[in-house]
Amino acid sequence: MNESQMKICLFGGTFDPIHLGHTFIAHQAQSQLGIDKVIFLPCQQSPHKLDSKSATAEDRFKMCQLATSPFPWAEVSDYDLCSPPPSYSWRTAEHFKSLFPNAQLFWLMGSDQWRSIARWERAHHFASLLKIIVYSRKSEASFVQSFESTLLNTLQHPASATAIRGQLVEGKNSPWLHPAVASHIKKNCLYLKSPLD
């Protein structure tokens, strides 16, 4: 396919851990909007959120690879993980715009991020580089101040990374993990209680 005809969507998140809800949302964007490639971008973990129950960047990257392996339209990039802080979305958008200058570039985000976009660093510059797809469980207004987006309506998915970590801490399995991700977590003893907990 000619690059000028390609639709490439960036999907960032901590993915701690990546779960079936994440891949479900990406697949909805891919199928509903004709996206050719979804690039999963595990981001740097906030130092305020890092604790004994968070996975390392390397583990989160590997889990993204495992979770997306069944999908020919998905790939995983370590761009954000390898970039010097602070990590800004406009820099990520600029990077991929330079990699794919002739493609249609999209950014997939949740409605909570969408509502706060006006406070992002260089938000208007970011929005000028690509088209924004907003994932929402409700038919929310797709207009936020002077920003435009495409609203992706889809069924509610019950998966929650916070809830999954809570289950794993207790030594329980979660039905919302890809089997290869669950195996990686178990093999590497991720998200378990520390002796001080």
C-alpha atoms as a PDB file:
ATOM      1  CA  MET A   1       0.000   0.000   0.000  1.00  0.00           C
ATOM      2  CA  ASN A   2       1.191   3.486  -0.852  1.00  0.00           C
ATOM      3  CA  GLU A   3       2.135   5.367   2.320  1.00  0.00           C
ATOM      4  CA  SER A   4      -0.069   8.296   1.336  1.00  0.00           C
ATOM      5  CA  GLN A   5      -3.067   5.967   1.593  1.00  0.00           C
ATOM      6  CA  MET A   6      -2.095   4.532   4.980  1.00  0.00           C
ATOM      7  CA  LYS A   7      -3.923   5.356   8.184  1.00  0.00           C
ATOM      8  CA  ILE A   8      -1.662   4.955  11.218  1.00  0.00           C
ATOM      9  CA  CYS A   9      -2.974   5.296  14.766  1.00  0.00           C
ATOM     10  CA  LEU A  10      -0.840   5.901  17.869  1.00  0.00           C
ATOM     11  CA  PHE A  11      -2.155   4.432  21.110  1.00  0.00           C
ATOM     12  CA  GLY A  12      -0.226   5.401  24.243  1.00  0.00           C
ATOM     13  CA  GLY A  13      -0.618   4.273  27.821  1.00  0.00           C
ATOM     14  CA  THR A  14       1.190   2.842  30.803  1.00  0.00           C
ATOM     15  CA  PHE A  15      -0.203  -0.609  29.916  1.00  0.00           C
ATOM     16  CA  ASP A  16       0.474  -1.793  33.462  1.00  0.00           C
ATOM     17  CA  PRO A  17      -0.498  -4.422  32.467  1.00  0.00           C
ATOM     18  CA  ILE A  18      -1.916  -4.353  28.956  1.00  0.00           C
ATOM     19  CA  HIS A  19      -5.251  -6.183  28.944  1.00  0.00           C
ATOM     20  CA  LEU A  20      -7.979  -7.341  26.590  1.00  0.00           C
ATOM     21  CA  GLY A  21      -9.774  -4.007  26.984  1.00  0.00           C
ATOM     22  CA  HIS A  22      -6.825  -2.198  25.404  1.00  0.00           C
ATOM     23  CA  THR A  23      -6.663  -4.500  22.403  1.00  0.00           C
ATOM     24  CA  PHE A  24     -10.461  -4.414  22.105  1.00  0.00           C
ATOM     25  CA  ILE A  25     -10.435  -0.603  21.865  1.00  0.00           C
ATOM     26  CA  ALA A  26      -7.607  -0.665  19.320  1.00  0.00           C
ATOM     27  CA  HIS A  27      -9.439  -3.259  17.248  1.00  0.00           C
ATOM     28  CA  GLN A  28     -12.602  -1.146  17.306  1.00  0.00           C
ATOM     29  CA  ALA A  29     -10.645   1.833  15.942  1.00  0.00           C
ATOM     30  CA  GLN A  30      -8.963  -0.359  13.351  1.00  0.00           C
ATOM     31  CA  SER A  31     -12.185  -1.920  12.111  1.00  0.00           C
ATOM     32  CA  GLN A  32     -14.570   1.054  12.400  1.00  0.00           C
ATOM     33  CA  LEU A  33     -12.271   3.689  10.932  1.00  0.00           C
ATOM     34  CA  GLY A  34     -10.215   1.629   8.497  1.00  0.00           C
ATOM     35  CA  ILE A  35      -6.929   2.062  10.357  1.00  0.00           C
ATOM     36  CA  ASP A  36      -4.097   0.152   8.675  1.00  0.00           C
ATOM     37  CA  LYS A  37      -1.702   0.116  11.622  1.00  0.00           C
ATOM     38  CA  VAL A  38      -2.104   0.737  15.360  1.00  0.00           C
ATOM     39  CA  ILE A  39       1.177   1.485  17.126  1.00  0.00           C
ATOM     40  CA  PHE A  40       1.047   0.766  20.851  1.00  0.00           C
ATOM     41  CA  LEU A  41       3.262   3.153  22.795  1.00  0.00           C
ATOM     42  CA  PRO A  42       3.940   2.098  26.395  1.00  0.00           C
ATOM     43  CA  CYS A  43       4.858   5.340  28.137  1.00  0.00           C
ATOM     44  CA  GLN A  44       7.274   6.112  30.896  1.00  0.00           C
ATOM     45  CA  GLN A  45       5.872   5.303  34.292  1.00  0.00           C
ATOM     46  CA  SER A  46       5.230   8.352  36.429  1.00  0.00           C
ATOM     47  CA  PRO A  47       7.598   8.450  39.413  1.00  0.00           C
ATOM     48  CA  HIS A  48       4.575   9.309  41.549  1.00  0.00           C
ATOM     49  CA  LYS A  49       2.870   6.059  40.581  1.00  0.00           C
ATOM     50  CA  LEU A  50       5.863   3.730  40.663  1.00  0.00           C
ATOM     51  CA  ASP A  51       5.598   1.190  43.478  1.00  0.00           C
ATOM     52  CA  SER A  52       6.320  -2.470  44.148  1.00  0.00           C
ATOM     53  CA  LYS A  53       3.156  -3.438  42.294  1.00  0.00           C
ATOM     54  CA  SER A  54       4.108  -1.726  39.026  1.00  0.00           C
ATOM     55  CA  ALA A  55       5.940  -3.533  36.250  1.00  0.00           C
ATOM     56  CA  THR A  56       9.200  -2.263  34.786  1.00  0.00           C
ATOM     57  CA  ALA A  57       9.336  -0.555  31.410  1.00  0.00           C
ATOM     58  CA  GLU A  58      10.928  -3.674  29.942  1.00  0.00           C
ATOM     59  CA  ASP A  59       8.150  -5.910  31.240  1.00  0.00           C
ATOM     60  CA  ARG A  60       5.410  -3.557  30.088  1.00  0.00           C
ATOM     61  CA  PHE A  61       6.969  -3.401  26.613  1.00  0.00           C
ATOM     62  CA  LYS A  62       7.253  -7.198  26.439  1.00  0.00           C
ATOM     63  CA  MET A  63       3.653  -7.655  27.597  1.00  0.00           C
ATOM     64  CA  CYS A  64       2.491  -5.273  24.857  1.00  0.00           C
ATOM     65  CA  GLN A  65       4.350  -7.354  22.294  1.00  0.00           C
ATOM     66  CA  LEU A  66       2.757 -10.555  23.600  1.00  0.00           C
ATOM     67  CA  ALA A  67      -0.763  -9.095  23.739  1.00  0.00           C
ATOM     68  CA  THR A  68      -0.647  -7.660  20.230  1.00  0.00           C
ATOM     69  CA  SER A  69       1.094 -10.597  18.531  1.00  0.00           C
ATOM     70  CA  PRO A  70      -2.191 -12.076  17.155  1.00  0.00           C
ATOM     71  CA  PHE A  71      -3.006  -8.872  15.266  1.00  0.00           C
ATOM     72  CA  PRO A  72      -1.264  -8.208  11.928  1.00  0.00           C
ATOM     73  CA  TRP A  73      -2.304  -4.547  12.123  1.00  0.00           C
ATOM     74  CA  ALA A  74      -0.620  -3.932  15.495  1.00  0.00           C
ATOM     75  CA  GLU A  75       2.948  -3.140  16.456  1.00  0.00           C
ATOM     76  CA  VAL A  76       4.693  -1.888  19.593  1.00  0.00           C
ATOM     77  CA  SER A  77       7.163   0.990  19.777  1.00  0.00           C
ATOM     78  CA  ASP A  78       9.600   1.786  22.576  1.00  0.00           C
ATOM     79  CA  TYR A  79       9.967   5.396  21.402  1.00  0.00           C
ATOM     80  CA  ASP A  80       8.470   6.914  24.530  1.00  0.00           C
ATOM     81  CA  LEU A  81      10.303   4.532  26.860  1.00  0.00           C
ATOM     82  CA  CYS A  82      13.642   5.437  25.270  1.00  0.00           C
ATOM     83  CA  SER A  83      13.050   9.186  25.018  1.00  0.00           C
ATOM     84  CA  PRO A  84      14.577  11.516  27.597  1.00  0.00           C
ATOM     85  CA  PRO A  85      12.071  13.049  30.012  1.00  0.00           C
ATOM     86  CA  PRO A  86       9.888  14.971  30.115  1.00  0.00           C
ATOM     87  CA  SER A  87       7.731  13.001  27.719  1.00  0.00           C
ATOM     88  CA  TYR A  88       5.355  15.172  25.705  1.00  0.00           C
ATOM     89  CA  SER A  89       2.744  13.883  23.269  1.00  0.00           C
ATOM     90  CA  TRP A  90       3.595  16.588  20.732  1.00  0.00           C
ATOM     91  CA  ARG A  91       7.166  15.256  20.554  1.00  0.00           C
ATOM     92  CA  THR A  92       5.877  11.746  19.974  1.00  0.00           C
ATOM     93  CA  ALA A  93       3.533  13.016  17.275  1.00  0.00           C
ATOM     94  CA  GLU A  94       6.374  14.930  15.598  1.00  0.00           C
ATOM     95  CA  HIS A  95       8.553  11.805  15.635  1.00  0.00           C
ATOM     96  CA  PHE A  96       5.986   9.607  13.928  1.00  0.00           C
ATOM     97  CA  LYS A  97       5.039  12.387  11.516  1.00  0.00           C
ATOM     98  CA  SER A  98       8.676  12.426  10.416  1.00  0.00           C
ATOM     99  CA  LEU A  99       8.677   8.625  10.063  1.00  0.00           C
ATOM    100  CA  PHE A 100       5.447   8.566   8.048  1.00  0.00           C
ATOM    101  CA  PRO A 101       5.243  12.020   6.421  1.00  0.00           C
ATOM    102  CA  ASN A 102       2.668  11.007   3.829  1.00  0.00           C
ATOM    103  CA  ALA A 103       0.390   8.829   5.959  1.00  0.00           C
ATOM    104  CA  GLN A 104      -2.763   9.927   7.741  1.00  0.00           C
ATOM    105  CA  LEU A 105      -1.762   9.973  11.402  1.00  0.00           C
ATOM    106  CA  PHE A 106      -4.223   9.452  14.270  1.00  0.00           C
ATOM    107  CA  TRP A 107      -4.031   9.437  18.068  1.00  0.00           C
ATOM    108  CA  LEU A 108      -6.358   7.244  20.119  1.00  0.00           C
ATOM    109  CA  MET A 109      -7.216   8.503  23.599  1.00  0.00           C
ATOM    110  CA  GLY A 110      -9.849   8.089  26.292  1.00  0.00           C
ATOM    111  CA  SER A 111     -12.527  10.678  26.947  1.00  0.00           C
ATOM    112  CA  ASP A 112     -10.845  11.673  30.237  1.00  0.00           C
ATOM    113  CA  GLN A 113      -7.669  12.626  28.354  1.00  0.00           C
ATOM    114  CA  TRP A 114      -9.733  14.364  25.707  1.00  0.00           C
ATOM    115  CA  ARG A 115     -11.454  16.599  28.248  1.00  0.00           C
ATOM    116  CA  SER A 116      -8.073  17.762  29.578  1.00  0.00           C
ATOM    117  CA  ILE A 117      -6.311  18.231  26.238  1.00  0.00           C
ATOM    118  CA  ALA A 118      -6.390  22.032  26.432  1.00  0.00           C
ATOM    119  CA  ARG A 119      -3.947  21.788  29.353  1.00  0.00           C
ATOM    120  CA  TRP A 120      -1.447  19.631  27.447  1.00  0.00           C
ATOM    121  CA  GLU A 121       1.947  21.037  26.516  1.00  0.00           C
ATOM    122  CA  ARG A 122       1.680  22.625  23.032  1.00  0.00           C
ATOM    123  CA  ALA A 123      -1.783  21.143  22.633  1.00  0.00           C
ATOM    124  CA  HIS A 124      -2.673  22.998  19.434  1.00  0.00           C
ATOM    125  CA  HIS A 125       0.611  22.041  17.813  1.00  0.00           C
ATOM    126  CA  PHE A 126      -0.027  18.409  18.798  1.00  0.00           C
ATOM    127  CA  ALA A 127      -3.536  18.505  17.336  1.00  0.00           C
ATOM    128  CA  SER A 128      -2.247  20.027  14.094  1.00  0.00           C
ATOM    129  CA  LEU A 129      -0.023  17.002  13.463  1.00  0.00           C
ATOM    130  CA  LEU A 130      -2.732  14.351  13.446  1.00  0.00           C
ATOM    131  CA  LYS A 131      -6.391  13.498  13.870  1.00  0.00           C
ATOM    132  CA  ILE A 132      -7.685  12.588  17.308  1.00  0.00           C
ATOM    133  CA  ILE A 133      -9.902   9.578  17.954  1.00  0.00           C
ATOM    134  CA  VAL A 134     -11.703   9.614  21.289  1.00  0.00           C
ATOM    135  CA  TYR A 135     -12.741   6.354  22.875  1.00  0.00           C
ATOM    136  CA  SER A 136     -15.872   6.755  24.937  1.00  0.00           C
ATOM    137  CA  ARG A 137     -18.389   4.424  26.530  1.00  0.00           C
ATOM    138  CA  LYS A 138     -21.022   7.124  26.098  1.00  0.00           C
ATOM    139  CA  SER A 139     -22.032   9.352  23.217  1.00  0.00           C
ATOM    140  CA  GLU A 140     -20.226  12.373  24.601  1.00  0.00           C
ATOM    141  CA  ALA A 141     -19.856  15.603  22.692  1.00  0.00           C
ATOM    142  CA  SER A 142     -16.829  15.407  20.413  1.00  0.00           C
ATOM    143  CA  PHE A 143     -16.093  19.130  20.651  1.00  0.00           C
ATOM    144  CA  VAL A 144     -13.694  20.531  23.247  1.00  0.00           C
ATOM    145  CA  GLN A 145     -12.988  24.226  22.857  1.00  0.00           C
ATOM    146  CA  SER A 146     -11.132  24.623  19.532  1.00  0.00           C
ATOM    147  CA  PHE A 147     -10.121  20.974  19.187  1.00  0.00           C
ATOM    148  CA  GLU A 148     -11.760  18.469  16.879  1.00  0.00           C
ATOM    149  CA  SER A 149     -11.991  14.696  17.206  1.00  0.00           C
ATOM    150  CA  THR A 150     -13.634  11.585  15.848  1.00  0.00           C
ATOM    151  CA  LEU A 151     -15.785   9.852  18.439  1.00  0.00           C
ATOM    152  CA  LEU A 152     -15.364   6.089  18.619  1.00  0.00           C
ATOM    153  CA  ASN A 153     -18.474   4.575  20.159  1.00  0.00           C
ATOM    154  CA  THR A 154     -18.091   1.040  21.378  1.00  0.00           C
ATOM    155  CA  LEU A 155     -19.395  -1.387  23.940  1.00  0.00           C
ATOM    156  CA  GLN A 156     -18.224  -1.050  27.511  1.00  0.00           C
ATOM    157  CA  HIS A 157     -15.342  -3.379  28.310  1.00  0.00           C
ATOM    158  CA  PRO A 158     -15.045  -4.482  31.947  1.00  0.00           C
ATOM    159  CA  ALA A 159     -11.241  -4.751  32.043  1.00  0.00           C
ATOM    160  CA  SER A 160      -9.380  -2.391  34.385  1.00  0.00           C
ATOM    161  CA  ALA A 161      -5.618  -2.391  34.905  1.00  0.00           C
ATOM    162  CA  THR A 162      -6.076  -1.221  38.498  1.00  0.00           C
ATOM    163  CA  ALA A 163      -8.489  -4.053  39.257  1.00  0.00           C
ATOM    164  CA  ILE A 164      -6.259  -6.569  37.497  1.00  0.00           C
ATOM    165  CA  ARG A 165      -3.226  -5.506  39.556  1.00  0.00           C
ATOM    166  CA  GLY A 166      -5.343  -5.902  42.675  1.00  0.00           C
ATOM    167  CA  GLN A 167      -6.233  -9.452  41.674  1.00  0.00           C
ATOM    168  CA  LEU A 168      -2.633 -10.312  40.871  1.00  0.00           C
ATOM    169  CA  VAL A 169      -1.397  -8.920  44.182  1.00  0.00           C
ATOM    170  CA  GLU A 170      -3.708 -11.392  45.886  1.00  0.00           C
ATOM    171  CA  GLY A 171      -2.364 -14.211  43.735  1.00  0.00           C
ATOM    172  CA  LYS A 172      -5.564 -14.464  41.698  1.00  0.00           C
ATOM    173  CA  ASN A 173      -5.848 -14.888  37.940  1.00  0.00           C
ATOM    174  CA  SER A 174      -7.620 -12.364  35.726  1.00  0.00           C
ATOM    175  CA  PRO A 175      -9.806 -13.347  32.766  1.00  0.00           C
ATOM    176  CA  TRP A 176      -8.910 -10.074  31.041  1.00  0.00           C
ATOM    177  CA  LEU A 177      -5.295 -10.910  30.241  1.00  0.00           C
ATOM    178  CA  HIS A 178      -4.007 -12.511  27.067  1.00  0.00           C
ATOM    179  CA  PRO A 179      -2.729 -15.996  28.052  1.00  0.00           C
ATOM    180  CA  ALA A 180       0.829 -15.126  26.990  1.00  0.00           C
ATOM    181  CA  VAL A 181       0.701 -11.958  29.139  1.00  0.00           C
ATOM    182  CA  ALA A 182      -0.634 -13.917  32.107  1.00  0.00           C
ATOM    183  CA  SER A 183       2.180 -16.443  31.629  1.00  0.00           C
ATOM    184  CA  HIS A 184       4.800 -13.682  31.513  1.00  0.00           C
ATOM    185  CA  ILE A 185       3.424 -12.141  34.699  1.00  0.00           C
ATOM    186  CA  LYS A 186       3.460 -15.482  36.498  1.00  0.00           C
ATOM    187  CA  LYS A 187       6.926 -16.453  35.245  1.00  0.00           C
ATOM    188  CA  ASN A 188       8.444 -13.140  36.347  1.00  0.00           C
ATOM    189  CA  CYS A 189       6.448 -12.820  39.597  1.00  0.00           C
ATOM    190  CA  LEU A 190       5.066  -9.426  38.645  1.00  0.00           C
ATOM    191  CA  TYR A 191       2.593  -7.468  40.788  1.00  0.00           C
ATOM    192  CA  LEU A 192       3.014  -9.700  43.822  1.00  0.00           C
ATOM    193  CA  LYS A 193       2.929  -8.376  47.349  1.00  0.00           C
ATOM    194  CA  SER A 194       6.292  -7.359  48.753  1.00  0.00           C
ATOM    195  CA  PRO A 195       7.357  -8.692  52.158  1.00  0.00           C
ATOM    196  CA  LEU A 196       6.687  -5.230  53.643  1.00  0.00           C
ATOM    197  CA  ASP A 197       3.072  -5.053  52.439  1.00  0.00           C
END
